[in-house]
Amino acid sequence: MSNPYTSLPRKAFWRKAVAEKGALGLEQLWQPKFQIRPDHKIVTAGSCFAQHIGQALTARGYDWFDAEPAPPWLRAQDARAFHYGIFSFRTGNIYTPKMLLQWLTLAFEGGDTELWERNGRWYDPLRPVIEPEGFASQDELLAARNTTLASLRRAVREASVFVFTLGLTECWRNAKTGLEYALCPGTVAGASFDAALHGFHNTGYAELCADLEAAIALMQRENSAIRVLLTVSPVPLVASASGEHVLTATSHSKALLRAVAGEVAANDAQIDYFPSYEIITQPVFRGMFFAPNMRSVVPQGVATVMGHFFAEQERVFGAVELEDAPKRKRARKGNVRADVACEEELLNAFAK
């Protein structure tokens, strides 16, 4: 008897592709649309998990693009404290499509935002933790932001691949201007929380899609050759202001982000989705890649994710020689870190 299922490959059937393969035998989880080579300039931005991707690419000898390197006189530990070398530019975490669109709009079209002041120190509401003690003046803050905006412009215009990891749907916005904050006001140094001004927003599917599509369109306008690789962070929410249990709130947010990433990627040959989220969270892996807190991803999980990344690239496009990468980028394994900078972690301080 013939029907549409009789001609499907083994990977289409759970028993053959998952149950019989087991967690460490899975293959063909990704059919990449475009090749990512060691000599490509690769930009990473987004949620905490994007840091793992950048580190793994660098360790493999790929050209992770640091568009805003730390000043040469700054010690390595201080550079990290001031958020250099974490993402390709010094924006801090960009958790939502709206935040990405805000940064790109400021970089390429200009505009102003509110600034926060407390006790004579100034803080950027788009990245309030990048200067632990704040800036000495508005001018100093704006000069630093302009440096980052210039780095963001350079990154987009020169990048071969822009990797963006979606992390959250929950956010806080200015009720009058619509500005979306990196973190809820009052949770970090800077502005105090004002219930009349600072509103909680749990972004829905249509808005997430529209913001992500607008952000990518802006990048493509500036660099018609840029390719975008979307991922979804497997890291659960630290806290939820939705009124739901944090576990179900996490499922809601991640389901929306996964659906949005898949939908946006399906509509453009230059946009792809890589299933790092599934590799960490699917039942076949039985939670083995989470630390005891059931939130942080252990190094073995990152290694498994990137193992699939490199294996599927090689399966589809053939092996690459690391000599194709710039010499300064080859196999810097010392750069791999188990920890990541995650601004959302600051919300743990408010747990009763």
Protein backbone atom coordinates (compact mmCIF):
# COMPACT_ATOMS: atom_id res chain seq x y z
CA MET A 1 0.00 0.00 0.00
CA SER A 2 1.41 3.38 -1.01
CA ASN A 3 0.81 6.65 0.83
CA PRO A 4 2.81 9.83 1.52
CA TYR A 5 4.51 8.28 4.55
CA THR A 6 6.01 5.32 2.70
CA SER A 7 8.56 7.53 0.95
CA LEU A 8 9.63 9.56 3.97
CA PRO A 9 13.23 9.20 5.23
CA ARG A 10 14.09 7.59 8.58
CA LYS A 11 14.54 10.99 10.22
CA ALA A 12 10.78 11.61 9.84
CA PHE A 13 9.85 8.83 12.28
CA TRP A 14 10.34 9.14 16.04
CA ARG A 15 11.07 5.44 16.62
CA LYS A 16 13.75 5.21 13.95
CA ALA A 17 15.22 8.70 14.31
CA VAL A 18 15.03 9.20 18.09
CA ALA A 19 14.05 6.19 20.21
CA GLU A 20 16.39 3.75 18.48
CA LYS A 21 19.22 6.27 18.11
CA GLY A 22 19.26 7.52 21.68
CA ALA A 23 20.44 10.91 22.92
CA LEU A 24 24.02 10.57 21.67
CA GLY A 25 23.20 8.91 18.35
CA LEU A 26 20.96 11.57 16.84
CA GLU A 27 21.88 12.86 13.40
CA GLN A 28 20.58 15.17 10.71
CA LEU A 29 18.88 17.45 13.22
CA TRP A 30 19.65 20.40 10.99
CA GLN A 31 19.69 20.92 7.23
CA PRO A 32 21.72 24.15 6.94
CA LYS A 33 20.74 26.54 4.19
CA PHE A 34 24.15 28.16 3.81
CA GLN A 35 27.74 27.35 4.61
CA ILE A 36 29.48 29.01 7.53
CA ARG A 37 33.21 28.92 6.94
CA PRO A 38 36.14 29.67 9.27
CA ASP A 39 37.03 32.79 7.27
CA HIS A 40 33.52 34.26 7.49
CA LYS A 41 33.04 37.17 9.87
CA ILE A 42 30.54 35.80 12.39
CA VAL A 43 28.64 38.18 14.67
CA THR A 44 26.88 36.93 17.81
CA ALA A 45 24.23 38.79 19.79
CA GLY A 46 21.20 38.12 21.93
CA SER A 47 20.48 36.08 25.02
CA CYS A 48 23.02 34.47 27.31
CA PHE A 49 23.36 31.30 25.25
CA ALA A 50 24.75 33.28 22.30
CA GLN A 51 27.97 33.64 24.29
CA HIS A 52 28.48 29.87 24.22
CA ILE A 53 28.18 29.89 20.43
CA GLY A 54 30.73 32.68 20.03
CA GLN A 55 33.20 30.97 22.36
CA ALA A 56 32.82 27.61 20.63
CA LEU A 57 33.35 29.12 17.19
CA THR A 58 36.47 30.90 18.39
CA ALA A 59 37.82 27.74 20.01
CA ARG A 60 37.33 25.89 16.71
CA GLY A 61 39.31 28.53 14.84
CA TYR A 62 36.39 30.38 13.26
CA ASP A 63 36.45 34.14 12.81
CA TRP A 64 34.17 35.40 15.58
CA PHE A 65 33.92 39.14 14.90
CA ASP A 66 34.73 41.31 17.90
CA ALA A 67 33.65 44.68 16.53
CA GLU A 68 34.18 46.50 19.83
CA PRO A 69 37.34 45.14 21.49
CA ALA A 70 38.41 46.29 24.94
CA PRO A 71 41.01 49.04 25.22
CA PRO A 72 44.49 47.46 25.21
CA TRP A 73 45.30 48.80 28.68
CA LEU A 74 42.31 47.07 30.32
CA ARG A 75 43.07 43.79 32.10
CA ALA A 76 41.16 40.74 30.87
CA GLN A 77 39.08 40.34 34.04
CA ASP A 78 38.21 44.03 34.02
CA ALA A 79 37.30 43.92 30.34
CA ARG A 80 34.78 41.18 31.05
CA ALA A 81 33.36 43.10 34.02
CA PHE A 82 32.75 46.00 31.65
CA HIS A 83 31.14 43.66 29.08
CA TYR A 84 33.84 43.65 26.43
CA GLY A 85 34.35 40.49 24.39
CA ILE A 86 31.06 38.91 25.46
CA PHE A 87 29.05 39.71 22.35
CA SER A 88 30.32 41.22 19.11
CA PHE A 89 29.51 44.69 20.43
CA ARG A 90 29.04 46.10 23.93
CA THR A 91 25.25 46.06 24.09
CA GLY A 92 24.96 43.52 26.86
CA ASN A 93 22.21 40.92 26.52
CA ILE A 94 19.58 41.57 23.86
CA TYR A 95 16.75 39.32 24.96
CA THR A 96 13.91 40.24 22.60
CA PRO A 97 13.38 41.12 18.91
CA LYS A 98 12.15 44.57 19.99
CA MET A 99 15.43 45.25 21.79
CA LEU A 100 17.41 44.21 18.70
CA LEU A 101 15.27 46.48 16.54
CA GLN A 102 15.78 49.39 18.96
CA TRP A 103 19.55 49.01 18.84
CA LEU A 104 19.60 48.75 15.03
CA THR A 105 17.28 51.74 14.64
CA LEU A 106 19.49 53.87 16.88
CA ALA A 107 22.58 52.74 14.97
CA PHE A 108 21.32 53.33 11.45
CA GLU A 109 18.56 55.90 11.79
CA GLY A 110 19.45 57.78 14.96
CA GLY A 111 17.20 58.95 17.75
CA ASP A 112 17.20 59.67 21.46
CA THR A 113 16.19 57.71 24.55
CA GLU A 114 15.73 58.53 28.19
CA LEU A 115 18.78 58.31 30.43
CA TRP A 116 18.82 57.28 34.07
CA GLU A 117 20.50 59.19 36.90
CA ARG A 118 21.02 58.17 40.50
CA ASN A 119 23.29 59.74 43.10
CA GLY A 120 25.15 61.74 40.48
CA ARG A 121 25.93 58.70 38.28
CA TRP A 122 24.35 58.03 34.88
CA TYR A 123 23.06 54.72 33.50
CA ASP A 124 21.95 53.59 30.05
CA PRO A 125 18.47 51.99 30.20
CA LEU A 126 19.35 49.87 27.16
CA ARG A 127 22.36 48.33 28.98
CA PRO A 128 22.35 49.41 32.63
CA VAL A 129 24.96 46.95 33.89
CA ILE A 130 27.83 47.47 31.43
CA GLU A 131 29.37 50.14 33.71
CA PRO A 132 29.11 48.74 37.26
CA GLU A 133 29.45 52.18 38.85
CA GLY A 134 27.65 54.10 36.13
CA PHE A 135 28.96 56.97 34.02
CA ALA A 136 30.22 60.26 35.42
CA SER A 137 28.04 62.38 33.12
CA GLN A 138 25.45 62.25 30.36
CA ASP A 139 28.14 63.17 27.85
CA GLU A 140 30.30 60.24 28.93
CA LEU A 141 27.33 57.86 28.67
CA LEU A 142 26.37 59.10 25.22
CA ALA A 143 29.97 58.95 23.99
CA ALA A 144 30.18 55.31 25.11
CA ARG A 145 26.84 54.52 23.48
CA ASN A 146 27.94 56.17 20.23
CA THR A 147 31.05 53.98 20.22
CA THR A 148 28.85 50.91 20.53
CA LEU A 149 26.48 52.13 17.83
CA ALA A 150 29.45 52.63 15.50
CA SER A 151 30.61 49.10 16.32
CA LEU A 152 27.14 47.75 15.62
CA ARG A 153 27.07 49.50 12.24
CA ARG A 154 30.46 48.05 11.39
CA ALA A 155 29.45 44.58 12.53
CA VAL A 156 26.30 44.53 10.40
CA ARG A 157 27.95 46.00 7.32
CA GLU A 158 30.97 43.66 7.42
CA ALA A 159 29.41 40.46 8.77
CA SER A 160 29.03 37.33 6.72
CA VAL A 161 26.72 35.76 9.32
CA PHE A 162 24.74 37.36 12.14
CA VAL A 163 23.81 34.85 14.86
CA PHE A 164 20.93 36.04 17.03
CA THR A 165 19.66 34.07 20.03
CA LEU A 166 16.13 34.87 21.16
CA GLY A 167 15.65 34.63 24.91
CA LEU A 168 12.50 36.26 26.32
CA THR A 169 9.01 37.46 25.51
CA GLU A 170 8.50 39.23 28.86
CA CYS A 171 9.79 42.79 29.07
CA TRP A 172 9.25 46.19 30.64
CA ARG A 173 8.51 49.30 28.61
CA ASN A 174 8.00 53.01 29.07
CA ALA A 175 4.22 53.47 28.95
CA LYS A 176 4.56 56.87 27.24
CA THR A 177 7.38 56.37 24.72
CA GLY A 178 7.29 52.59 24.17
CA LEU A 179 11.02 52.29 24.90
CA GLU A 180 11.81 48.73 25.93
CA TYR A 181 14.27 48.38 28.80
CA ALA A 182 16.99 45.77 29.11
CA LEU A 183 15.83 45.06 32.67
CA CYS A 184 12.93 46.17 34.82
CA PRO A 185 13.60 49.64 36.29
CA GLY A 186 14.35 49.44 39.98
CA THR A 187 16.06 46.04 39.75
CA VAL A 188 19.46 47.55 38.95
CA ALA A 189 21.17 50.85 39.54
CA GLY A 190 19.53 53.74 37.72
CA ALA A 191 15.84 54.61 37.64
CA SER A 192 13.46 53.77 40.47
CA PHE A 193 10.38 51.78 39.53
CA ASP A 194 7.33 53.93 38.73
CA ALA A 195 4.13 51.90 38.31
CA ALA A 196 2.51 54.75 36.36
CA LEU A 197 5.39 54.87 33.85
CA HIS A 198 6.95 51.41 33.72
CA GLY A 199 4.63 48.78 32.27
CA PHE A 200 5.03 45.01 32.01
CA HIS A 201 4.53 43.54 28.53
CA ASN A 202 4.46 39.90 27.48
CA THR A 203 4.98 40.08 23.73
CA GLY A 204 2.70 38.03 21.50
CA TYR A 205 3.42 36.07 18.35
CA ALA A 206 2.45 38.71 15.78
CA GLU A 207 4.48 41.46 17.43
CA LEU A 208 7.51 39.19 17.89
CA CYS A 209 7.40 38.28 14.19
CA ALA A 210 6.99 41.88 13.08
CA ASP A 211 9.87 43.12 15.25
CA LEU A 212 12.23 40.34 14.16
CA GLU A 213 11.38 40.77 10.49
CA ALA A 214 11.87 44.54 10.75
CA ALA A 215 15.25 44.09 12.47
CA ILE A 216 16.48 41.65 9.82
CA ALA A 217 15.17 43.86 7.00
CA LEU A 218 17.14 46.76 8.42
CA MET A 219 20.30 44.64 8.47
CA GLN A 220 19.68 43.43 4.93
CA ARG A 221 19.22 47.01 3.80
CA GLU A 222 22.71 47.81 5.04
CA ASN A 223 24.30 44.54 3.91
CA SER A 224 22.45 42.66 1.18
CA ALA A 225 24.78 39.66 1.53
CA ILE A 226 24.32 39.17 5.26
CA ARG A 227 22.95 35.83 6.39
CA VAL A 228 21.12 35.44 9.68
CA LEU A 229 21.22 32.34 11.86
CA LEU A 230 18.47 32.29 14.50
CA THR A 231 18.57 30.23 17.67
CA VAL A 232 16.42 30.10 20.80
CA SER A 233 18.01 30.05 24.23
CA PRO A 234 17.24 26.82 26.13
CA VAL A 235 17.83 28.63 29.44
CA PRO A 236 14.60 28.95 31.50
CA LEU A 237 13.37 32.28 32.85
CA VAL A 238 14.92 33.42 36.13
CA ALA A 239 11.62 34.99 37.15
CA SER A 240 8.26 35.78 35.58
CA ALA A 241 6.13 38.89 36.14
CA SER A 242 3.25 37.38 34.15
CA GLY A 243 1.40 35.99 37.17
CA GLU A 244 2.03 32.44 35.94
CA HIS A 245 4.27 29.88 37.58
CA VAL A 246 7.79 30.44 36.26
CA LEU A 247 7.82 26.94 34.75
CA THR A 248 4.69 27.44 32.64
CA ALA A 249 5.74 31.02 31.84
CA THR A 250 9.00 29.62 30.50
CA SER A 251 7.14 27.13 28.29
CA HIS A 252 4.92 29.91 26.96
CA SER A 253 7.82 32.20 26.10
CA LYS A 254 10.04 29.54 24.55
CA ALA A 255 7.19 28.10 22.47
CA LEU A 256 6.46 31.53 21.03
CA LEU A 257 10.12 32.27 20.30
CA ARG A 258 10.65 28.88 18.66
CA ALA A 259 7.58 29.36 16.49
CA VAL A 260 8.65 32.87 15.50
CA ALA A 261 12.21 31.80 14.66
CA GLY A 262 10.94 28.96 12.51
CA GLU A 263 8.38 31.10 10.70
CA VAL A 264 10.81 33.94 9.94
CA ALA A 265 13.51 31.52 8.78
CA ALA A 266 11.09 29.70 6.49
CA ASN A 267 10.42 32.82 4.45
CA ASP A 268 13.96 33.78 3.39
CA ALA A 269 16.84 31.74 1.95
CA GLN A 270 19.32 33.96 3.80
CA ILE A 271 17.75 33.25 7.21
CA ASP A 272 18.17 29.89 8.93
CA TYR A 273 17.25 28.32 12.26
CA PHE A 274 19.64 26.10 14.23
CA PRO A 275 18.04 23.80 16.86
CA SER A 276 20.26 24.42 19.88
CA TYR A 277 17.08 24.80 21.95
CA GLU A 278 15.84 21.32 21.03
CA ILE A 279 19.20 19.68 21.61
CA ILE A 280 19.26 20.87 25.22
CA THR A 281 15.58 20.59 26.16
CA GLN A 282 14.00 17.64 24.30
CA PRO A 283 12.96 14.62 26.43
CA VAL A 284 15.43 12.32 24.69
CA PHE A 285 18.25 14.16 26.51
CA ARG A 286 16.54 13.68 29.92
CA GLY A 287 17.81 17.01 31.28
CA MET A 288 21.41 15.76 31.26
CA PHE A 289 22.74 19.06 29.94
CA PHE A 290 21.40 21.19 32.78
CA ALA A 291 23.35 21.98 35.95
CA PRO A 292 21.78 21.10 39.35
CA ASN A 293 19.88 24.40 39.31
CA MET A 294 18.01 23.04 36.24
CA ARG A 295 18.72 26.27 34.41
CA SER A 296 22.40 26.67 33.54
CA VAL A 297 23.71 24.64 30.61
CA VAL A 298 26.82 22.59 31.42
CA PRO A 299 29.85 22.55 29.08
CA GLN A 300 28.96 19.06 27.82
CA GLY A 301 25.65 20.46 26.58
CA VAL A 302 27.36 23.27 24.72
CA ALA A 303 29.83 20.77 23.23
CA THR A 304 26.95 18.57 22.04
CA VAL A 305 25.13 21.52 20.48
CA MET A 306 28.22 22.69 18.63
CA GLY A 307 29.11 19.12 17.67
CA HIS A 308 25.82 18.92 15.78
CA PHE A 309 26.48 22.36 14.28
CA PHE A 310 29.86 21.41 12.82
CA ALA A 311 28.77 17.87 11.83
CA GLU A 312 25.77 19.08 9.83
CA GLN A 313 27.77 21.83 8.15
CA GLU A 314 30.33 19.21 7.08
CA ARG A 315 27.64 16.74 5.97
CA VAL A 316 26.00 19.29 3.68
CA PHE A 317 28.95 21.36 2.49
CA GLY A 318 32.00 19.16 3.06
CA ALA A 319 34.92 19.48 5.43
CA VAL A 320 36.70 22.80 5.80
CA GLU A 321 40.32 23.50 6.52
CA LEU A 322 41.03 25.69 9.53
CA GLU A 323 43.82 27.27 7.50
CA ASP A 324 40.97 29.17 5.86
CA ALA A 325 40.58 31.12 9.11
CA PRO A 326 42.75 34.14 9.88
CA LYS A 327 45.86 33.04 11.77
CA ARG A 328 45.02 35.13 14.81
CA LYS A 329 41.75 33.22 15.21
CA ARG A 330 42.95 29.62 15.08
CA ALA A 331 42.08 27.23 17.88
CA ARG A 332 42.18 29.55 20.88
CA LYS A 333 40.80 26.93 23.22
CA GLY A 334 41.67 28.94 26.27
CA ASN A 335 38.82 31.29 25.41
CA VAL A 336 36.11 28.75 26.19
CA ARG A 337 34.33 29.55 29.46
CA ALA A 338 31.79 27.55 31.41
CA ASP A 339 30.21 30.73 32.79
CA VAL A 340 28.34 33.37 30.85
CA ALA A 341 27.28 36.92 31.62
CA CYS A 342 23.50 36.87 32.10
CA GLU A 343 21.91 40.10 33.24
CA GLU A 344 18.57 38.40 33.93
CA GLU A 345 20.28 36.53 36.80
CA LEU A 346 20.12 39.78 38.79
CA LEU A 347 16.41 39.09 39.35
CA ASN A 348 17.35 36.24 41.70
CA ALA A 349 18.16 38.85 44.32
CA PHE A 350 14.43 39.61 44.69
CA ALA A 351 13.29 36.06 45.44
CA LYS A 352 11.70 35.91 48.91
